[in-house]
């Protein structure tokens, strides 16, 4: 509960601080040199910016991944900077973070940062090397399952899940998060003929794949509703499924 309160507070701080103007810098700087210690934990670094007029320290997060070193400029990621400013044990929180590469053909690599974990539920921040619009809060209180790039390499599909237990049966509910990579804008999905698709941790999404750059094919349970008892009965049955097609669009 304490972490949920902290998470709500730092999201509010992000919305407020996002209204202020500042000179844009790259969010991520990476070096493709082989790190000396491949198992090094994430580290927080404070550096004084050069120049007599600069009073702001440069706050950085350093991650060591296989074959590359990633540095995140916290001054350009308000939601993460504000969160770390109010968390009681900053060093422990940073060491629990993880960074996952998402390779996009013919484009700069982007990264998915996992942070603010409570048991198996975490928040996820998508980061790229753009100077503006280079971060996107993809999910919170969830678990990352998979990522897939559209055939034209312009859109990214992320799949997250939330897990709960009912009478000893583990129930999984999933959500698709669709991102337009140019500008890191959120996209949406609907069924054919503009029929809404319940896409907010309503039911398991057993598979999801691109049919083309504007359509997805997903597999979900063949059930009349998404209630807990209905999902439990489905888990205990022979698990009949159905496939539906989703159209990707922007509002």
Protein backbone atom coordinates (compact mmCIF):
# COMPACT_ATOMS: atom_id res chain seq x y z
CA UNK A 1 0.00 0.00 0.00
CA UNK A 2 2.87 2.36 0.85
CA UNK A 3 4.43 1.91 -2.58
CA UNK A 4 1.07 2.45 -4.27
CA UNK A 5 0.76 5.80 -2.47
CA UNK A 6 4.30 6.77 -3.46
CA UNK A 7 3.59 5.78 -7.07
CA UNK A 8 0.46 7.96 -7.17
CA UNK A 9 2.37 10.90 -5.70
CA UNK A 10 5.23 10.75 -8.21
CA UNK A 11 2.81 10.43 -11.16
CA UNK A 12 1.12 13.63 -9.92
CA UNK A 13 4.50 15.32 -9.60
CA UNK A 14 5.32 14.27 -13.16
CA UNK A 15 2.15 15.84 -14.54
CA UNK A 16 2.91 19.09 -12.74
CA UNK A 17 6.59 19.27 -13.65
CA UNK A 18 5.85 18.33 -17.25
CA UNK A 19 4.32 21.75 -17.75
CA UNK A 20 7.62 23.61 -17.25
CA UNK A 21 9.84 24.55 -20.19
CA UNK A 22 13.48 23.50 -20.27
CA UNK A 23 16.22 22.94 -22.78
CA UNK A 24 15.92 19.43 -24.18
CA UNK A 25 18.81 16.97 -23.94
CA UNK A 26 19.17 13.34 -24.86
CA UNK A 27 17.55 11.02 -22.35
CA UNK A 28 19.91 8.13 -23.04
CA UNK A 29 23.59 8.01 -23.91
CA UNK A 30 25.11 4.62 -24.63
CA UNK A 31 28.54 3.21 -25.19
CA UNK A 32 28.92 -0.02 -27.13
CA UNK A 33 32.30 -0.77 -25.58
CA UNK A 34 32.49 -4.01 -23.59
CA UNK A 35 32.02 -3.12 -19.88
CA UNK A 36 34.74 -4.30 -17.57
CA UNK A 37 32.22 -5.84 -15.14
CA UNK A 38 29.20 -7.29 -16.90
CA UNK A 39 27.35 -8.00 -13.61
CA UNK A 40 27.67 -4.47 -12.21
CA UNK A 41 24.56 -3.18 -10.45
CA UNK A 42 22.78 0.00 -11.59
CA UNK A 43 24.36 3.11 -10.09
CA UNK A 44 23.27 6.68 -9.29
CA UNK A 45 25.74 9.43 -10.24
CA UNK A 46 25.59 13.13 -9.39
CA UNK A 47 27.68 15.48 -11.53
CA UNK A 48 27.98 19.24 -11.38
CA UNK A 49 27.26 20.82 -14.75
CA UNK A 50 29.99 23.00 -16.20
CA UNK A 51 29.50 26.76 -16.41
CA UNK A 52 29.26 29.52 -13.85
CA UNK A 53 25.53 30.04 -14.41
CA UNK A 54 24.60 26.40 -13.91
CA UNK A 55 23.35 25.58 -10.42
CA UNK A 56 21.61 22.31 -11.29
CA UNK A 57 23.38 19.03 -10.77
CA UNK A 58 23.23 16.42 -13.49
CA UNK A 59 21.67 13.26 -12.07
CA UNK A 60 22.43 10.06 -13.96
CA UNK A 61 21.56 6.38 -13.77
CA UNK A 62 24.14 3.96 -15.15
CA UNK A 63 23.24 0.46 -16.32
CA UNK A 64 25.65 -2.22 -17.50
CA UNK A 65 24.20 -4.52 -20.14
CA UNK A 66 25.93 -7.15 -22.25
CA UNK A 67 28.25 -5.31 -24.68
CA UNK A 68 27.05 -1.81 -23.77
CA UNK A 69 26.89 0.80 -21.05
CA UNK A 70 23.66 2.83 -20.77
CA UNK A 71 23.43 6.20 -19.01
CA UNK A 72 19.98 7.71 -18.34
CA UNK A 73 19.81 11.46 -17.77
CA UNK A 74 17.30 11.79 -14.92
CA UNK A 75 16.99 15.54 -15.50
CA UNK A 76 15.15 14.65 -18.72
CA UNK A 77 12.88 11.99 -17.16
CA UNK A 78 10.81 13.88 -14.60
CA UNK A 79 8.62 10.96 -13.56
CA UNK A 80 11.67 8.87 -12.63
CA UNK A 81 13.61 11.72 -11.04
CA UNK A 82 10.65 12.73 -8.86
CA UNK A 83 10.02 9.14 -7.83
CA UNK A 84 13.62 8.67 -6.70
CA UNK A 85 13.49 11.96 -4.77
CA UNK A 86 10.70 10.69 -2.48
CA UNK A 87 11.52 6.99 -2.14
CA UNK A 88 12.92 6.22 1.36
CA UNK A 89 15.81 3.96 0.27
CA UNK A 90 17.00 5.30 -3.07
CA UNK A 91 20.07 3.10 -3.40
CA UNK A 92 18.14 -0.09 -2.74
CA UNK A 93 15.44 0.96 -5.20
CA UNK A 94 18.00 1.69 -7.94
CA UNK A 95 19.73 -1.65 -7.43
CA UNK A 96 16.39 -3.44 -7.88
CA UNK A 97 15.79 -1.80 -11.28
CA UNK A 98 16.38 -3.61 -14.56
CA UNK A 99 16.75 -2.43 -18.14
CA UNK A 100 15.66 -4.48 -21.19
CA UNK A 101 16.72 -3.82 -24.78
CA UNK A 102 14.03 -3.60 -27.46
CA UNK A 103 15.75 -3.72 -30.85
CA UNK A 104 13.98 -1.95 -33.73
CA UNK A 105 15.34 -2.71 -37.24
CA UNK A 106 16.83 0.37 -38.94
CA UNK A 107 16.18 2.51 -35.83
CA UNK A 108 17.91 3.34 -32.57
CA UNK A 109 17.52 0.72 -29.86
CA UNK A 110 14.95 1.61 -27.21
CA UNK A 111 14.85 0.36 -23.63
CA UNK A 112 12.21 -0.74 -21.14
CA UNK A 113 13.02 0.22 -17.56
CA UNK A 114 11.45 -1.85 -14.78
CA UNK A 115 11.16 -0.04 -11.44
CA UNK A 116 8.97 0.45 -8.34
CA UNK A 117 8.34 -3.25 -7.86
CA UNK A 118 5.97 -4.61 -5.23
CA UNK A 119 6.33 -8.38 -5.20
CA UNK A 120 5.83 -9.32 -8.90
CA UNK A 121 4.08 -6.06 -9.89
CA UNK A 122 6.24 -3.25 -11.27
CA UNK A 123 6.11 -0.01 -13.22
CA UNK A 124 7.62 0.20 -16.70
CA UNK A 125 9.07 3.19 -18.49
CA UNK A 126 9.91 3.09 -22.20
CA UNK A 127 12.99 5.17 -23.09
CA UNK A 128 14.69 6.12 -26.34
CA UNK A 129 17.42 8.47 -27.50
CA UNK A 130 15.17 11.27 -28.75
CA UNK A 131 15.63 14.71 -27.23
CA UNK A 132 11.88 15.30 -27.00
CA UNK A 133 9.15 12.74 -26.29
CA UNK A 134 11.79 10.20 -25.38
CA UNK A 135 9.98 8.53 -22.48
CA UNK A 136 6.61 6.87 -21.99
CA UNK A 137 5.10 5.32 -18.86
CA UNK A 138 3.90 2.04 -20.34
CA UNK A 139 2.45 0.26 -17.30
CA UNK A 140 2.27 0.19 -13.52
CA UNK A 141 1.49 -2.57 -11.01
CA UNK A 142 2.04 -5.11 -13.78
CA UNK A 143 4.48 -7.70 -15.15
CA UNK A 144 6.09 -7.43 -18.58
CA UNK A 145 5.42 -10.38 -20.89
CA UNK A 146 6.57 -9.55 -24.42
CA UNK A 147 7.35 -6.92 -27.04
CA UNK A 148 6.83 -7.00 -30.80
CA UNK A 149 7.53 -4.47 -33.55
CA UNK A 150 5.12 -3.87 -36.46
CA UNK A 151 6.20 -4.99 -39.96
CA UNK A 152 6.92 -1.37 -40.98
CA UNK A 153 9.01 -0.83 -37.80
CA UNK A 154 6.91 2.20 -36.85
CA UNK A 155 4.83 0.77 -34.00
CA UNK A 156 5.56 -1.26 -30.90
CA UNK A 157 3.25 -3.70 -29.15
CA UNK A 158 3.92 -4.41 -25.46
CA UNK A 159 2.03 -7.02 -23.46
CA UNK A 160 1.67 -6.74 -19.68
CA UNK A 161 -0.14 -8.90 -17.14
CA UNK A 162 -1.59 -8.73 -13.65
CA UNK A 163 -1.90 -11.89 -11.59
CA UNK A 164 -4.32 -12.61 -8.78
CA UNK A 165 -5.32 -15.72 -6.87
CA UNK A 166 -8.87 -17.00 -6.33
CA UNK A 167 -9.38 -20.08 -4.16
CA UNK A 168 -5.90 -21.32 -4.99
CA UNK A 169 -6.30 -20.72 -8.74
CA UNK A 170 -3.94 -18.19 -10.34
CA UNK A 171 -5.84 -15.83 -12.63
CA UNK A 172 -3.99 -13.77 -15.24
CA UNK A 173 -5.38 -10.65 -16.89
CA UNK A 174 -3.45 -8.93 -19.66
CA UNK A 175 -3.23 -5.57 -21.40
CA UNK A 176 -1.86 -4.52 -24.78
CA UNK A 177 0.07 -1.25 -24.84
CA UNK A 178 0.51 0.16 -28.34
CA UNK A 179 3.15 2.80 -29.05
CA UNK A 180 3.88 4.88 -32.14
CA UNK A 181 7.66 5.04 -32.03
CA UNK A 182 7.91 8.46 -33.67
CA UNK A 183 7.26 10.78 -30.76
CA UNK A 184 6.42 7.90 -28.38
CA UNK A 185 2.65 8.36 -28.73
CA UNK A 186 0.04 5.96 -27.42
CA UNK A 187 -2.10 4.08 -29.93
CA UNK A 188 -5.37 2.21 -29.40
CA UNK A 189 -7.06 -0.96 -30.61
CA UNK A 190 -10.64 -1.86 -31.57
CA UNK A 191 -12.38 -4.88 -33.03
CA UNK A 192 -13.79 -4.94 -36.54
CA UNK A 193 -16.56 -2.46 -37.33
CA UNK A 194 -15.27 -0.20 -34.52
CA UNK A 195 -16.49 -2.57 -31.80
CA UNK A 196 -14.66 -1.62 -28.58
CA UNK A 197 -12.17 -4.13 -27.18
CA UNK A 198 -11.85 -4.36 -23.39
CA UNK A 199 -8.12 -3.77 -23.06
CA UNK A 200 -7.48 -2.94 -19.41
CA UNK A 201 -6.49 -6.19 -17.66
CA UNK A 202 -9.89 -7.76 -18.33
CA UNK A 203 -8.84 -11.26 -19.44
CA UNK A 204 -5.82 -13.35 -20.49
CA UNK A 205 -4.37 -12.56 -23.91
CA UNK A 206 -2.88 -15.93 -24.78
CA UNK A 207 -1.14 -14.78 -27.96
CA UNK A 208 -0.80 -11.57 -29.93
CA UNK A 209 0.86 -11.07 -33.30
CA UNK A 210 0.95 -8.53 -36.11
CA UNK A 211 -1.01 -9.42 -39.25
CA UNK A 212 0.20 -6.24 -40.94
CA UNK A 213 1.19 -2.77 -39.73
CA UNK A 214 -2.41 -1.82 -38.89
CA UNK A 215 -3.90 -5.07 -37.58
CA UNK A 216 -3.30 -7.59 -34.80
CA UNK A 217 -4.52 -11.13 -34.28
CA UNK A 218 -4.99 -12.13 -30.64
CA UNK A 219 -6.18 -15.25 -28.85
CA UNK A 220 -8.40 -14.92 -25.77
CA UNK A 221 -10.61 -17.29 -23.74
CA UNK A 222 -13.98 -18.27 -25.16
CA UNK A 223 -16.02 -16.97 -22.21
CA UNK A 224 -19.22 -14.89 -21.87
CA UNK A 225 -17.69 -12.30 -19.49
CA UNK A 226 -14.50 -11.44 -17.60
CA UNK A 227 -15.72 -12.08 -14.04
CA UNK A 228 -13.46 -13.82 -11.53
CA UNK A 229 -15.66 -16.94 -11.28
CA UNK A 230 -15.93 -17.17 -15.06
CA UNK A 231 -12.14 -16.97 -15.43
CA UNK A 232 -11.64 -19.51 -12.64
CA UNK A 233 -14.04 -21.95 -14.30
CA UNK A 234 -12.23 -21.45 -17.62
CA UNK A 235 -8.83 -22.19 -16.00
CA UNK A 236 -10.24 -25.41 -14.57
CA UNK A 237 -11.83 -26.45 -17.87
CA UNK A 238 -10.36 -27.53 -21.21
CA UNK A 239 -9.70 -23.81 -21.92
CA UNK A 240 -11.55 -23.15 -25.16
CA UNK A 241 -10.22 -20.08 -26.99
CA UNK A 242 -11.11 -17.79 -29.86
CA UNK A 243 -9.16 -15.50 -32.17
CA UNK A 244 -10.16 -11.93 -32.90
CA UNK A 245 -8.70 -9.26 -35.15
CA UNK A 246 -7.88 -5.82 -33.76
CA UNK A 247 -7.32 -2.60 -35.70
CA UNK A 248 -4.63 -0.23 -34.46
CA UNK A 249 -5.51 3.46 -34.59
CA UNK A 250 -4.73 6.83 -33.03
CA UNK A 251 -7.26 9.19 -31.48
